[in-house]
Amino acid sequence: MINFSEVEQSVRELKGQIAAGKVDQQTFEARLMAMIDVASDGYYWMFGHKSEGWYRHDGRQWIPDDPGKLQKSTPSQNAEDASSLFFFAAGPDVVEKWRAINWEWFIVSLIILGLIAWIIYSSIPA
């Protein structure tokens, strides 16, 4: 899980390193990308190095947001929240795809496939 204050400090230090010429642009961008992480709310968060603000990925785009409420939550709340986020680590895009599945038709399709398999299996002579 993301530590917001630590990420902010790391981004500011990284900005200082690129300004001093200690890292190149490619390294700078790679390190920024590595700091994008999932918070206890199940969303990816990143700290904007130009805007000095936080952005949350809503599954489609990065939107400005304030992680203040997440920073104030207790560790036990974070642990409870994290237990329900088992597939968020794969990313919000995956979550949206799972939500988009019409589960009723999926179940009906499995039942039909099972019936077809049973008919085929039972028609094979022993």
N, C-alpha and C. Protein backbone atom coordinates (compact mmCIF):
# COMPACT_ATOMS: atom_id res chain seq x y z
N MET A 1 0.83 -1.18 0.00
CA MET A 1 0.00 0.00 0.00
C MET A 1 0.88 1.25 0.00
N ILE A 2 0.33 2.28 -0.53
CA ILE A 2 1.07 3.52 -0.74
C ILE A 2 1.20 4.34 0.54
N ASN A 3 2.38 4.90 0.72
CA ASN A 3 2.62 5.84 1.81
C ASN A 3 2.70 7.22 1.16
N PHE A 4 1.63 7.99 1.28
CA PHE A 4 1.50 9.24 0.54
C PHE A 4 2.61 10.24 0.85
N SER A 5 2.91 10.44 2.12
CA SER A 5 3.93 11.43 2.47
C SER A 5 5.31 10.99 1.99
N GLU A 6 5.57 9.70 2.02
CA GLU A 6 6.86 9.19 1.54
C GLU A 6 7.00 9.39 0.03
N VAL A 7 5.92 9.17 -0.70
CA VAL A 7 5.95 9.36 -2.15
C VAL A 7 6.17 10.83 -2.48
N GLU A 8 5.48 11.72 -1.78
CA GLU A 8 5.67 13.16 -2.03
C GLU A 8 7.13 13.56 -1.83
N GLN A 9 7.72 13.08 -0.76
CA GLN A 9 9.11 13.40 -0.46
C GLN A 9 10.04 12.81 -1.54
N SER A 10 9.77 11.59 -1.95
CA SER A 10 10.60 10.95 -2.97
C SER A 10 10.52 11.69 -4.31
N VAL A 11 9.32 12.14 -4.68
CA VAL A 11 9.16 12.86 -5.94
C VAL A 11 9.92 14.18 -5.88
N ARG A 12 9.84 14.87 -4.77
CA ARG A 12 10.56 16.15 -4.63
C ARG A 12 12.06 15.94 -4.68
N GLU A 13 12.55 14.88 -4.04
CA GLU A 13 13.99 14.58 -4.10
C GLU A 13 14.40 14.25 -5.53
N LEU A 14 13.57 13.50 -6.23
CA LEU A 14 13.85 13.11 -7.61
C LEU A 14 13.88 14.35 -8.52
N LYS A 15 12.98 15.29 -8.27
CA LYS A 15 12.99 16.54 -9.04
C LYS A 15 14.29 17.29 -8.82
N GLY A 16 14.78 17.26 -7.59
CA GLY A 16 16.06 17.90 -7.29
C GLY A 16 17.21 17.22 -8.01
N GLN A 17 17.16 15.90 -8.10
CA GLN A 17 18.22 15.15 -8.78
C GLN A 17 18.24 15.45 -10.28
N ILE A 18 17.07 15.54 -10.89
CA ILE A 18 17.07 15.83 -12.33
C ILE A 18 17.50 17.27 -12.58
N ALA A 19 17.11 18.19 -11.68
CA ALA A 19 17.54 19.59 -11.82
C ALA A 19 19.05 19.72 -11.68
N ALA A 20 19.65 18.87 -10.83
CA ALA A 20 21.10 18.91 -10.62
C ALA A 20 21.85 18.10 -11.66
N GLY A 21 21.11 17.43 -12.55
CA GLY A 21 21.75 16.63 -13.59
C GLY A 21 22.26 15.28 -13.12
N LYS A 22 21.79 14.83 -11.96
CA LYS A 22 22.23 13.53 -11.42
C LYS A 22 21.50 12.36 -12.07
N VAL A 23 20.30 12.60 -12.62
CA VAL A 23 19.57 11.55 -13.33
C VAL A 23 19.09 12.11 -14.66
N ASP A 24 18.96 11.23 -15.64
CA ASP A 24 18.47 11.68 -16.95
C ASP A 24 16.95 11.58 -17.00
N GLN A 25 16.36 12.09 -18.06
CA GLN A 25 14.90 12.15 -18.20
C GLN A 25 14.27 10.76 -18.19
N GLN A 26 14.92 9.80 -18.84
CA GLN A 26 14.37 8.44 -18.90
C GLN A 26 14.34 7.81 -17.51
N THR A 27 15.40 7.98 -16.75
CA THR A 27 15.46 7.45 -15.38
C THR A 27 14.42 8.15 -14.51
N PHE A 28 14.30 9.46 -14.69
CA PHE A 28 13.34 10.25 -13.94
C PHE A 28 11.92 9.71 -14.16
N GLU A 29 11.55 9.52 -15.41
CA GLU A 29 10.21 9.02 -15.73
C GLU A 29 9.99 7.61 -15.22
N ALA A 30 11.01 6.76 -15.33
CA ALA A 30 10.88 5.38 -14.85
C ALA A 30 10.66 5.34 -13.34
N ARG A 31 11.39 6.19 -12.62
CA ARG A 31 11.21 6.22 -11.16
C ARG A 31 9.85 6.79 -10.77
N LEU A 32 9.38 7.78 -11.52
CA LEU A 32 8.04 8.30 -11.24
C LEU A 32 6.98 7.22 -11.45
N MET A 33 7.11 6.47 -12.54
CA MET A 33 6.16 5.39 -12.81
C MET A 33 6.19 4.33 -11.72
N ALA A 34 7.37 4.07 -11.17
CA ALA A 34 7.51 3.06 -10.12
C ALA A 34 6.81 3.48 -8.82
N MET A 35 6.57 4.79 -8.67
CA MET A 35 5.94 5.29 -7.45
C MET A 35 4.42 5.24 -7.51
N ILE A 36 3.85 4.92 -8.67
CA ILE A 36 2.40 4.76 -8.77
C ILE A 36 2.03 3.48 -8.03
N ASP A 37 1.07 3.59 -7.12
CA ASP A 37 0.74 2.43 -6.30
C ASP A 37 -0.74 2.44 -5.94
N VAL A 38 -1.20 1.31 -5.42
CA VAL A 38 -2.58 1.15 -5.00
C VAL A 38 -2.70 1.53 -3.53
N ALA A 39 -3.73 2.30 -3.22
CA ALA A 39 -3.99 2.68 -1.83
C ALA A 39 -5.06 1.76 -1.25
N SER A 40 -5.40 2.00 0.00
CA SER A 40 -6.38 1.15 0.69
C SER A 40 -7.77 1.24 0.09
N ASP A 41 -8.01 2.26 -0.75
CA ASP A 41 -9.33 2.38 -1.39
C ASP A 41 -9.42 1.57 -2.67
N GLY A 42 -8.31 0.94 -3.08
CA GLY A 42 -8.31 0.09 -4.27
C GLY A 42 -7.98 0.82 -5.55
N TYR A 43 -7.72 2.12 -5.48
CA TYR A 43 -7.38 2.89 -6.67
C TYR A 43 -5.88 3.13 -6.75
N TYR A 44 -5.40 3.30 -7.99
CA TYR A 44 -4.02 3.71 -8.19
C TYR A 44 -3.92 5.21 -7.95
N TRP A 45 -2.85 5.62 -7.28
CA TRP A 45 -2.60 7.02 -6.98
C TRP A 45 -1.20 7.39 -7.47
N MET A 46 -1.06 8.66 -7.91
CA MET A 46 0.26 9.17 -8.25
C MET A 46 0.34 10.64 -7.86
N PHE A 47 1.56 11.06 -7.57
CA PHE A 47 1.80 12.45 -7.20
C PHE A 47 2.36 13.16 -8.42
N GLY A 48 1.68 14.23 -8.83
CA GLY A 48 2.10 14.98 -10.00
C GLY A 48 3.32 15.84 -9.71
N HIS A 49 4.41 15.58 -10.40
CA HIS A 49 5.65 16.31 -10.12
C HIS A 49 5.56 17.76 -10.57
N LYS A 50 4.72 18.07 -11.54
CA LYS A 50 4.57 19.47 -11.99
C LYS A 50 3.53 20.20 -11.15
N SER A 51 2.41 19.56 -10.92
CA SER A 51 1.31 20.21 -10.21
C SER A 51 1.47 20.16 -8.69
N GLU A 52 2.33 19.26 -8.20
CA GLU A 52 2.49 19.04 -6.76
C GLU A 52 1.16 18.63 -6.12
N GLY A 53 0.36 17.90 -6.90
CA GLY A 53 -0.93 17.43 -6.40
C GLY A 53 -1.10 15.95 -6.66
N TRP A 54 -2.09 15.37 -6.01
CA TRP A 54 -2.36 13.94 -6.14
C TRP A 54 -3.41 13.67 -7.21
N TYR A 55 -3.24 12.52 -7.87
CA TYR A 55 -4.17 12.07 -8.90
C TYR A 55 -4.55 10.63 -8.61
N ARG A 56 -5.84 10.34 -8.82
CA ARG A 56 -6.37 8.99 -8.62
C ARG A 56 -6.86 8.49 -9.98
N HIS A 57 -6.54 7.24 -10.29
CA HIS A 57 -7.00 6.66 -11.56
C HIS A 57 -8.34 6.00 -11.32
N ASP A 58 -9.36 6.47 -12.04
CA ASP A 58 -10.71 5.98 -11.83
C ASP A 58 -11.07 4.79 -12.71
N GLY A 59 -10.07 4.21 -13.36
CA GLY A 59 -10.31 3.09 -14.26
C GLY A 59 -10.26 3.50 -15.71
N ARG A 60 -10.36 4.80 -15.95
CA ARG A 60 -10.31 5.32 -17.31
C ARG A 60 -9.30 6.43 -17.49
N GLN A 61 -9.18 7.28 -16.45
CA GLN A 61 -8.31 8.44 -16.56
C GLN A 61 -7.80 8.85 -15.18
N TRP A 62 -6.78 9.69 -15.20
CA TRP A 62 -6.24 10.26 -13.96
C TRP A 62 -7.04 11.52 -13.64
N ILE A 63 -7.58 11.57 -12.42
CA ILE A 63 -8.33 12.74 -12.00
C ILE A 63 -7.71 13.31 -10.72
N PRO A 64 -7.67 14.64 -10.61
CA PRO A 64 -7.13 15.24 -9.37
C PRO A 64 -8.00 14.82 -8.19
N ASP A 65 -7.36 14.49 -7.09
CA ASP A 65 -8.08 14.05 -5.90
C ASP A 65 -7.22 14.30 -4.68
N ASP A 66 -7.83 14.22 -3.52
CA ASP A 66 -7.13 14.45 -2.26
C ASP A 66 -7.13 13.16 -1.45
N PRO A 67 -5.96 12.59 -1.19
CA PRO A 67 -5.92 11.35 -0.41
C PRO A 67 -6.00 11.58 1.09
N GLY A 68 -6.38 12.79 1.52
CA GLY A 68 -6.41 13.14 2.94
C GLY A 68 -7.19 12.18 3.80
N LYS A 69 -8.37 11.76 3.34
CA LYS A 69 -9.19 10.84 4.14
C LYS A 69 -8.51 9.49 4.29
N LEU A 70 -7.74 9.08 3.29
CA LEU A 70 -7.03 7.80 3.38
C LEU A 70 -5.86 7.89 4.35
N GLN A 71 -5.21 9.04 4.37
CA GLN A 71 -4.07 9.23 5.27
C GLN A 71 -4.50 9.25 6.73
N LYS A 72 -5.73 9.68 6.98
CA LYS A 72 -6.22 9.79 8.36
C LYS A 72 -6.81 8.50 8.89
N SER A 73 -7.03 7.51 8.02
CA SER A 73 -7.63 6.25 8.48
C SER A 73 -6.63 5.45 9.30
N THR A 74 -7.15 4.66 10.20
CA THR A 74 -6.29 3.87 11.09
C THR A 74 -5.78 2.64 10.37
N PRO A 75 -4.66 2.06 10.85
CA PRO A 75 -4.15 0.83 10.21
C PRO A 75 -5.15 -0.31 10.21
N SER A 76 -5.98 -0.43 11.26
CA SER A 76 -6.96 -1.52 11.27
C SER A 76 -8.01 -1.32 10.18
N GLN A 77 -8.38 -0.06 9.92
CA GLN A 77 -9.32 0.20 8.83
C GLN A 77 -8.69 -0.17 7.50
N ASN A 78 -7.42 0.19 7.33
CA ASN A 78 -6.73 -0.15 6.09
C ASN A 78 -6.65 -1.65 5.89
N ALA A 79 -6.41 -2.40 6.95
CA ALA A 79 -6.31 -3.85 6.84
C ALA A 79 -7.66 -4.44 6.44
N GLU A 80 -8.76 -3.92 7.04
CA GLU A 80 -10.08 -4.41 6.67
C GLU A 80 -10.40 -4.09 5.22
N ASP A 81 -10.07 -2.88 4.80
CA ASP A 81 -10.32 -2.48 3.42
C ASP A 81 -9.50 -3.33 2.45
N ALA A 82 -8.24 -3.58 2.79
CA ALA A 82 -7.35 -4.32 1.90
C ALA A 82 -7.82 -5.75 1.71
N SER A 83 -8.47 -6.34 2.72
CA SER A 83 -8.92 -7.72 2.58
C SER A 83 -10.00 -7.86 1.51
N SER A 84 -10.73 -6.78 1.25
CA SER A 84 -11.78 -6.85 0.24
C SER A 84 -11.28 -6.41 -1.14
N LEU A 85 -10.00 -6.15 -1.27
CA LEU A 85 -9.45 -5.64 -2.52
C LEU A 85 -8.57 -6.67 -3.22
N PHE A 86 -8.93 -7.93 -3.13
CA PHE A 86 -8.04 -8.99 -3.60
C PHE A 86 -7.67 -8.87 -5.06
N PHE A 87 -8.52 -8.35 -5.92
CA PHE A 87 -8.14 -8.29 -7.32
C PHE A 87 -7.86 -6.88 -7.80
N PHE A 88 -7.87 -5.89 -6.92
CA PHE A 88 -7.53 -4.54 -7.32
C PHE A 88 -6.06 -4.41 -7.67
N ALA A 89 -5.22 -5.27 -7.14
CA ALA A 89 -3.79 -5.19 -7.44
C ALA A 89 -3.53 -5.37 -8.93
N ALA A 90 -4.44 -6.03 -9.62
CA ALA A 90 -4.28 -6.19 -11.06
C ALA A 90 -4.58 -4.90 -11.81
N GLY A 91 -5.20 -3.95 -11.15
CA GLY A 91 -5.46 -2.66 -11.75
C GLY A 91 -6.92 -2.37 -11.94
N PRO A 92 -7.26 -1.10 -11.91
CA PRO A 92 -8.66 -0.71 -12.06
C PRO A 92 -9.28 -1.13 -13.39
N ASP A 93 -8.47 -1.23 -14.45
CA ASP A 93 -9.02 -1.65 -15.73
C ASP A 93 -9.57 -3.07 -15.66
N VAL A 94 -8.87 -3.95 -14.95
CA VAL A 94 -9.33 -5.32 -14.78
C VAL A 94 -10.62 -5.35 -13.99
N VAL A 95 -10.70 -4.51 -12.97
CA VAL A 95 -11.90 -4.45 -12.14
C VAL A 95 -13.10 -4.03 -12.98
N GLU A 96 -12.91 -3.02 -13.82
CA GLU A 96 -14.01 -2.56 -14.68
C GLU A 96 -14.46 -3.66 -15.63
N LYS A 97 -13.52 -4.44 -16.17
CA LYS A 97 -13.90 -5.53 -17.07
C LYS A 97 -14.72 -6.58 -16.33
N TRP A 98 -14.34 -6.91 -15.09
CA TRP A 98 -15.09 -7.89 -14.32
C TRP A 98 -16.48 -7.37 -13.99
N ARG A 99 -16.59 -6.09 -13.70
CA ARG A 99 -17.90 -5.51 -13.39
C ARG A 99 -18.79 -5.50 -14.62
N ALA A 100 -18.19 -5.41 -15.81
CA ALA A 100 -18.96 -5.32 -17.04
C ALA A 100 -19.53 -6.66 -17.49
N ILE A 101 -19.10 -7.76 -16.89
CA ILE A 101 -19.59 -9.08 -17.28
C ILE A 101 -21.05 -9.22 -16.84
N ASN A 102 -21.88 -9.71 -17.74
CA ASN A 102 -23.26 -10.00 -17.40
C ASN A 102 -23.26 -11.39 -16.76
N TRP A 103 -23.26 -11.42 -15.45
CA TRP A 103 -23.09 -12.67 -14.72
C TRP A 103 -24.24 -13.65 -14.93
N GLU A 104 -25.44 -13.16 -15.13
CA GLU A 104 -26.56 -14.07 -15.35
C GLU A 104 -26.34 -14.89 -16.62
N TRP A 105 -25.97 -14.22 -17.70
CA TRP A 105 -25.72 -14.93 -18.96
C TRP A 105 -24.50 -15.83 -18.85
N PHE A 106 -23.52 -15.42 -18.09
CA PHE A 106 -22.34 -16.25 -17.89
C PHE A 106 -22.71 -17.57 -17.21
N ILE A 107 -23.53 -17.51 -16.16
CA ILE A 107 -23.96 -18.71 -15.44
C ILE A 107 -24.82 -19.59 -16.34
N VAL A 108 -25.76 -18.97 -17.07
CA VAL A 108 -26.62 -19.73 -17.98
C VAL A 108 -25.77 -20.43 -19.04
N SER A 109 -24.77 -19.75 -19.56
CA SER A 109 -23.87 -20.36 -20.56
C SER A 109 -23.13 -21.55 -19.99
N LEU A 110 -22.66 -21.44 -18.75
CA LEU A 110 -21.97 -22.58 -18.13
C LEU A 110 -22.91 -23.77 -17.96
N ILE A 111 -24.14 -23.51 -17.58
CA ILE A 111 -25.12 -24.59 -17.42
C ILE A 111 -25.38 -25.27 -18.76
N ILE A 112 -25.56 -24.49 -19.80
CA ILE A 112 -25.79 -25.05 -21.13
C ILE A 112 -24.59 -25.88 -21.58
N LEU A 113 -23.40 -25.36 -21.39
CA LEU A 113 -22.20 -26.13 -21.75
C LEU A 113 -22.12 -27.44 -20.97
N GLY A 114 -22.49 -27.38 -19.69
CA GLY A 114 -22.51 -28.60 -18.87
C GLY A 114 -23.51 -29.61 -19.39
N LEU A 115 -24.67 -29.14 -19.78
CA LEU A 115 -25.69 -30.04 -20.34
C LEU A 115 -25.21 -30.67 -21.65
N ILE A 116 -24.61 -29.88 -22.51
CA ILE A 116 -24.08 -30.40 -23.78
C ILE A 116 -23.00 -31.45 -23.50
N ALA A 117 -22.13 -31.16 -22.57
CA ALA A 117 -21.07 -32.12 -22.23
C ALA A 117 -21.68 -33.40 -21.67
N TRP A 118 -22.71 -33.28 -20.83
CA TRP A 118 -23.36 -34.46 -20.26
C TRP A 118 -24.04 -35.28 -21.36
N ILE A 119 -24.70 -34.63 -22.31
CA ILE A 119 -25.36 -35.35 -23.42
C ILE A 119 -24.34 -36.09 -24.25
N ILE A 120 -23.24 -35.43 -24.57
CA ILE A 120 -22.19 -36.08 -25.37
C ILE A 120 -21.58 -37.24 -24.61
N TYR A 121 -21.29 -37.03 -23.33
CA TYR A 121 -20.67 -38.09 -22.52
C TYR A 121 -21.61 -39.29 -22.38
N SER A 122 -22.89 -39.03 -22.16
CA SER A 122 -23.83 -40.15 -21.96
C SER A 122 -24.17 -40.87 -23.26
N SER A 123 -23.92 -40.23 -24.41
CA SER A 123 -24.22 -40.90 -25.69
C SER A 123 -23.06 -41.78 -26.16
N ILE A 124 -21.92 -41.72 -25.52
CA ILE A 124 -20.78 -42.56 -25.91
C ILE A 124 -21.02 -43.96 -25.34
N PRO A 125 -20.98 -44.98 -26.23
CA PRO A 125 -21.22 -46.34 -25.72
C PRO A 125 -20.04 -46.80 -24.85
N ALA A 126 -20.38 -47.54 -23.83
CA ALA A 126 -19.36 -48.01 -22.89
C ALA A 126 -18.54 -49.12 -23.38
